[in-house]
């Protein structure tokens, strides 16, 4: 028979931290969190609502005789915890910084119980189709910001270009024997007018390093995606200028672009928080 082990399980929100296996899970899906940040998280979970001083953390986890740069190591560990929990230093939901003292876990923690479990690891639940931040590669922040700004500028150029050539687009609808071309034109004008302010908000948020952009974008994404899929057909409106094969190829790229944008926004939000 396989050996059994006893472990404490801390549950908070949709997360679960297993002391014995050193694993953090969200909805059953394992989240990447290295050993030292996990130990800091466990120390905070053991004392919910209480200030855990930096000195206490140093003595418990780093020791008094270590020559490691403790301040940098702790800041990096807390940053990794917040990244894994999708938390932020400015508006914390779980880990709060207590200036000049240390950190406090402010989320609701279920009292840890002891449970027996097989030493063999539990099978991972299949992750969702959409990427989560812990699944994305590291990338220079400057590159991520530049790509996001280029995407927003590209979308706005589509909207303004379409609004500046309404008569030509109406003629394309007629030539393609589209039913009710005027209604299609009204839909185009309406969606473009709605999306221009959204793109301006996203571009401004990236330009000014808005820390809550990933959270805001997560809420926008379900509404933005159908409109982006509709505008993915916009290269077809250029058939007076490009051939149909190239137009379809560009449509395929634009179908992928909203998902690439979502990944970039999550990467944009990845930072070392203190």
Protein backbone atom coordinates (compact mmCIF):
# COMPACT_ATOMS: atom_id res chain seq x y z
CA UNK A 1 0.00 0.00 0.00
CA UNK A 2 1.23 3.52 -0.68
CA UNK A 3 2.40 5.53 2.30
CA UNK A 4 0.08 8.15 3.74
CA UNK A 5 0.98 11.63 4.94
CA UNK A 6 -0.76 14.16 7.13
CA UNK A 7 -0.93 17.76 5.94
CA UNK A 8 -2.52 21.07 6.80
CA UNK A 9 -4.71 22.53 4.09
CA UNK A 10 -5.36 26.27 4.09
CA UNK A 11 -8.30 27.41 1.96
CA UNK A 12 -8.97 31.04 1.06
CA UNK A 13 -11.22 32.19 -1.74
CA UNK A 14 -10.69 29.92 -4.74
CA UNK A 15 -7.19 29.01 -3.56
CA UNK A 16 -5.83 26.12 -1.53
CA UNK A 17 -2.34 25.82 -0.02
CA UNK A 18 -1.12 22.34 0.91
CA UNK A 19 1.64 22.42 3.52
CA UNK A 20 2.86 18.85 2.95
CA UNK A 21 3.18 19.02 -0.84
CA UNK A 22 4.18 22.69 -0.99
CA UNK A 23 1.53 23.32 -3.64
CA UNK A 24 -0.77 26.26 -4.27
CA UNK A 25 -3.88 25.49 -6.30
CA UNK A 26 -6.66 27.58 -7.82
CA UNK A 27 -9.88 25.70 -8.58
CA UNK A 28 -7.78 22.55 -8.26
CA UNK A 29 -5.23 23.71 -10.86
CA UNK A 30 -1.66 23.87 -9.61
CA UNK A 31 -0.13 27.35 -9.69
CA UNK A 32 3.60 27.81 -10.02
CA UNK A 33 5.05 29.19 -6.79
CA UNK A 34 8.62 28.53 -5.71
CA UNK A 35 9.60 27.19 -2.31
CA UNK A 36 10.59 30.41 -0.52
CA UNK A 37 7.50 32.46 -1.55
CA UNK A 38 5.33 29.47 -0.58
CA UNK A 39 6.92 29.37 2.89
CA UNK A 40 6.24 33.10 3.32
CA UNK A 41 2.63 32.53 2.27
CA UNK A 42 2.24 29.69 4.76
CA UNK A 43 3.59 31.87 7.56
CA UNK A 44 1.03 34.57 6.72
CA UNK A 45 -1.78 31.99 6.51
CA UNK A 46 -0.86 30.68 9.95
CA UNK A 47 -1.51 34.18 11.36
CA UNK A 48 -4.51 35.61 9.43
CA UNK A 49 -5.37 39.17 10.35
CA UNK A 50 -2.15 39.60 12.33
CA UNK A 51 0.95 41.57 11.38
CA UNK A 52 3.87 39.27 10.66
CA UNK A 53 6.96 41.43 11.03
CA UNK A 54 9.86 41.33 8.62
CA UNK A 55 12.08 40.30 11.54
CA UNK A 56 9.82 37.33 12.32
CA UNK A 57 9.92 36.25 8.69
CA UNK A 58 13.70 36.58 8.59
CA UNK A 59 14.16 34.49 11.73
CA UNK A 60 11.68 31.81 10.68
CA UNK A 61 12.63 31.42 7.03
CA UNK A 62 16.03 32.99 6.41
CA UNK A 63 17.73 32.57 9.79
CA UNK A 64 20.03 34.97 11.57
CA UNK A 65 23.24 33.58 10.13
CA UNK A 66 22.35 33.85 6.45
CA UNK A 67 24.28 36.15 4.16
CA UNK A 68 21.45 36.38 1.62
CA UNK A 69 20.15 39.87 0.80
CA UNK A 70 17.07 39.46 2.98
CA UNK A 71 15.28 42.67 2.00
CA UNK A 72 15.48 41.93 -1.71
CA UNK A 73 14.62 38.27 -1.16
CA UNK A 74 11.51 39.05 0.90
CA UNK A 75 10.29 41.75 -1.49
CA UNK A 76 10.69 39.34 -4.40
CA UNK A 77 8.89 36.55 -2.49
CA UNK A 78 5.92 38.77 -1.65
CA UNK A 79 5.81 39.95 -5.25
CA UNK A 80 5.65 36.34 -6.46
CA UNK A 81 2.85 35.60 -3.97
CA UNK A 82 0.80 38.56 -5.21
CA UNK A 83 1.44 37.55 -8.79
CA UNK A 84 0.19 34.02 -8.14
CA UNK A 85 -2.91 35.29 -6.30
CA UNK A 86 -3.60 38.07 -8.84
CA UNK A 87 -3.27 40.51 -5.94
CA UNK A 88 -1.84 44.04 -5.86
CA UNK A 89 0.01 46.11 -3.29
CA UNK A 90 -2.14 49.21 -3.87
CA UNK A 91 -5.52 47.44 -3.48
CA UNK A 92 -4.77 44.16 -1.72
CA UNK A 93 -7.33 41.38 -1.40
CA UNK A 94 -5.03 38.95 0.39
CA UNK A 95 -1.57 40.27 1.32
CA UNK A 96 -1.44 43.75 2.84
CA UNK A 97 1.78 45.68 3.40
CA UNK A 98 2.00 47.24 6.87
CA UNK A 99 4.40 50.12 6.35
CA UNK A 100 7.55 49.89 8.43
CA UNK A 101 6.51 46.61 10.05
CA UNK A 102 5.76 43.71 7.75
CA UNK A 103 2.78 42.02 6.11
CA UNK A 104 -0.69 40.87 7.07
CA UNK A 105 -2.99 38.31 5.41
CA UNK A 106 -6.41 40.02 5.17
CA UNK A 107 -8.35 37.36 3.27
CA UNK A 108 -10.78 34.94 4.90
CA UNK A 109 -8.91 31.75 5.77
CA UNK A 110 -10.71 28.54 6.65
CA UNK A 111 -9.32 26.93 9.78
CA UNK A 112 -6.76 24.39 8.60
CA UNK A 113 -7.69 20.81 9.22
CA UNK A 114 -5.58 17.71 9.17
CA UNK A 115 -6.29 15.23 6.45
CA UNK A 116 -4.69 12.00 5.41
CA UNK A 117 -3.84 11.70 1.77
CA UNK A 118 -1.84 9.38 -0.44
CA UNK A 119 1.75 10.38 -0.83
CA UNK A 120 1.32 10.14 -4.60
CA UNK A 121 0.46 13.58 -6.03
CA UNK A 122 -3.08 14.34 -7.07
CA UNK A 123 -3.60 14.59 -10.82
CA UNK A 124 -3.71 18.14 -12.09
CA UNK A 125 -7.05 19.41 -13.34
CA UNK A 126 -6.88 20.42 -16.97
CA UNK A 127 -6.25 24.18 -17.24
CA UNK A 128 -8.69 26.43 -19.06
CA UNK A 129 -8.27 27.23 -22.75
CA UNK A 130 -7.31 30.83 -21.98
CA UNK A 131 -3.87 31.47 -20.53
CA UNK A 132 -3.40 32.51 -16.91
CA UNK A 133 -0.59 34.77 -15.79
CA UNK A 134 1.48 31.94 -14.26
CA UNK A 135 1.46 30.13 -17.63
CA UNK A 136 2.87 33.07 -19.59
CA UNK A 137 6.58 33.58 -20.30
CA UNK A 138 8.67 36.35 -18.81
CA UNK A 139 9.15 39.26 -21.21
CA UNK A 140 10.74 42.72 -20.98
CA UNK A 141 8.08 45.11 -19.71
CA UNK A 142 9.08 47.71 -22.28
CA UNK A 143 8.38 45.28 -25.13
CA UNK A 144 5.00 44.28 -23.66
CA UNK A 145 3.91 47.91 -23.33
CA UNK A 146 5.03 48.74 -26.86
CA UNK A 147 3.11 45.80 -28.34
CA UNK A 148 -0.04 46.72 -26.40
CA UNK A 149 0.14 50.32 -27.58
CA UNK A 150 0.63 49.18 -31.19
CA UNK A 151 -2.45 46.94 -30.93
CA UNK A 152 -4.62 49.79 -29.60
CA UNK A 153 -3.35 52.17 -32.30
CA UNK A 154 -4.02 49.53 -34.97
CA UNK A 155 -7.60 49.01 -33.82
CA UNK A 156 -8.25 52.76 -33.71
CA UNK A 157 -6.86 53.12 -37.23
CA UNK A 158 -9.43 50.53 -38.39
CA UNK A 159 -12.28 52.44 -36.75
CA UNK A 160 -11.26 55.87 -38.03
CA UNK A 161 -10.45 54.48 -41.47
CA UNK A 162 -13.89 52.90 -41.73
CA UNK A 163 -15.67 56.05 -40.53
CA UNK A 164 -13.73 58.11 -43.08
CA UNK A 165 -14.80 55.88 -45.99
CA UNK A 166 -18.47 55.14 -45.33
CA UNK A 167 -19.57 55.59 -48.94
CA UNK A 168 -16.93 53.17 -50.22
CA UNK A 169 -17.89 50.62 -47.56
CA UNK A 170 -21.55 50.96 -48.50
CA UNK A 171 -20.61 50.24 -52.11
CA UNK A 172 -18.70 47.13 -50.98
CA UNK A 173 -21.79 45.89 -49.11
CA UNK A 174 -23.89 46.42 -52.23
CA UNK A 175 -21.39 44.69 -54.53
CA UNK A 176 -21.26 41.72 -52.16
CA UNK A 177 -25.07 41.52 -52.26
CA UNK A 178 -25.26 41.90 -48.48
CA UNK A 179 -28.84 42.10 -47.17
CA UNK A 180 -29.77 45.55 -45.88
CA UNK A 181 -26.46 47.31 -46.51
CA UNK A 182 -27.66 50.46 -44.71
CA UNK A 183 -28.28 48.49 -41.52
CA UNK A 184 -24.80 47.00 -41.76
CA UNK A 185 -23.40 50.49 -42.19
CA UNK A 186 -25.26 51.70 -39.10
CA UNK A 187 -23.89 48.71 -37.13
CA UNK A 188 -20.38 49.58 -38.29
CA UNK A 189 -20.76 53.23 -37.25
CA UNK A 190 -22.25 52.26 -33.87
CA UNK A 191 -19.60 49.70 -32.94
CA UNK A 192 -16.73 51.92 -34.10
CA UNK A 193 -18.09 54.82 -32.04
CA UNK A 194 -18.39 52.55 -28.99
CA UNK A 195 -14.94 51.01 -29.33
CA UNK A 196 -12.92 54.20 -29.89
CA UNK A 197 -13.29 55.32 -26.22
CA UNK A 198 -12.48 51.78 -25.03
CA UNK A 199 -9.27 51.74 -27.08
CA UNK A 200 -8.35 55.20 -25.82
CA UNK A 201 -8.82 54.00 -22.22
CA UNK A 202 -6.64 50.92 -22.80
CA UNK A 203 -3.92 52.93 -24.55
CA UNK A 204 -3.91 55.53 -21.77
CA UNK A 205 -3.82 52.84 -19.08
CA UNK A 206 -0.77 51.25 -20.70
CA UNK A 207 0.95 54.58 -21.28
CA UNK A 208 0.48 55.68 -17.65
CA UNK A 209 1.24 52.25 -16.17
CA UNK A 210 -2.22 51.74 -14.63
CA UNK A 211 -1.69 48.99 -12.04
CA UNK A 212 -5.31 47.71 -12.15
CA UNK A 213 -5.39 47.31 -15.94
CA UNK A 214 -5.35 43.47 -15.88
CA UNK A 215 -8.33 43.37 -13.50
CA UNK A 216 -10.28 45.93 -15.55
CA UNK A 217 -9.46 44.14 -18.80
CA UNK A 218 -10.67 40.80 -17.42
CA UNK A 219 -14.08 42.40 -16.91
CA UNK A 220 -14.06 44.04 -20.34
CA UNK A 221 -12.89 40.97 -22.25
CA UNK A 222 -16.24 39.05 -22.46
CA UNK A 223 -17.90 42.13 -23.97
CA UNK A 224 -14.94 43.18 -26.09
CA UNK A 225 -14.32 39.77 -27.65
CA UNK A 226 -17.55 39.53 -29.76
CA UNK A 227 -16.97 43.03 -31.14
CA UNK A 228 -13.33 42.23 -31.92
CA UNK A 229 -14.47 39.07 -33.73
CA UNK A 230 -16.88 41.18 -35.78
CA UNK A 231 -14.17 43.67 -36.67
CA UNK A 232 -11.86 40.80 -37.61
CA UNK A 233 -13.85 40.79 -40.87
CA UNK A 234 -12.82 44.37 -41.63
CA UNK A 235 -10.07 43.44 -44.17
CA UNK A 236 -12.86 42.18 -46.45
CA UNK A 237 -13.97 45.82 -46.75
CA UNK A 238 -10.63 46.53 -48.49
CA UNK A 239 -11.33 44.32 -51.52
CA UNK A 240 -11.11 47.40 -53.75
CA UNK A 241 -7.47 47.67 -52.70
CA UNK A 242 -6.29 44.11 -51.93
CA UNK A 243 -7.20 40.67 -53.28
CA UNK A 244 -9.60 38.41 -51.44
CA UNK A 245 -6.90 35.88 -50.44
CA UNK A 246 -4.87 38.51 -48.58
CA UNK A 247 -8.04 39.86 -46.98
CA UNK A 248 -8.92 36.41 -45.61
CA UNK A 249 -5.38 35.94 -44.31
CA UNK A 250 -5.59 39.25 -42.45
CA UNK A 251 -8.96 38.21 -41.05
CA UNK A 252 -7.35 35.09 -39.57
CA UNK A 253 -4.67 37.22 -37.87
CA UNK A 254 -7.33 39.53 -36.42
CA UNK A 255 -9.27 36.56 -35.03
CA UNK A 256 -6.18 35.62 -33.01
CA UNK A 257 -5.32 39.20 -31.94
CA UNK A 258 -7.81 39.60 -29.03
CA UNK A 259 -6.35 36.54 -27.31
CA UNK A 260 -2.81 37.81 -27.86
CA UNK A 261 -3.88 41.15 -26.42
CA UNK A 262 -5.32 39.43 -23.34
CA UNK A 263 -2.03 37.58 -22.74
CA UNK A 264 -0.05 40.80 -23.12
CA UNK A 265 -2.29 42.60 -20.62
CA UNK A 266 -1.67 39.83 -18.07
CA UNK A 267 2.07 40.05 -18.73
CA UNK A 268 1.85 43.84 -18.38
CA UNK A 269 0.42 43.36 -14.88
CA UNK A 270 3.28 41.11 -13.80
CA UNK A 271 5.50 43.11 -11.47
CA UNK A 272 7.46 42.78 -8.27
CA UNK A 273 5.24 44.43 -5.67
CA UNK A 274 6.59 45.57 -2.37
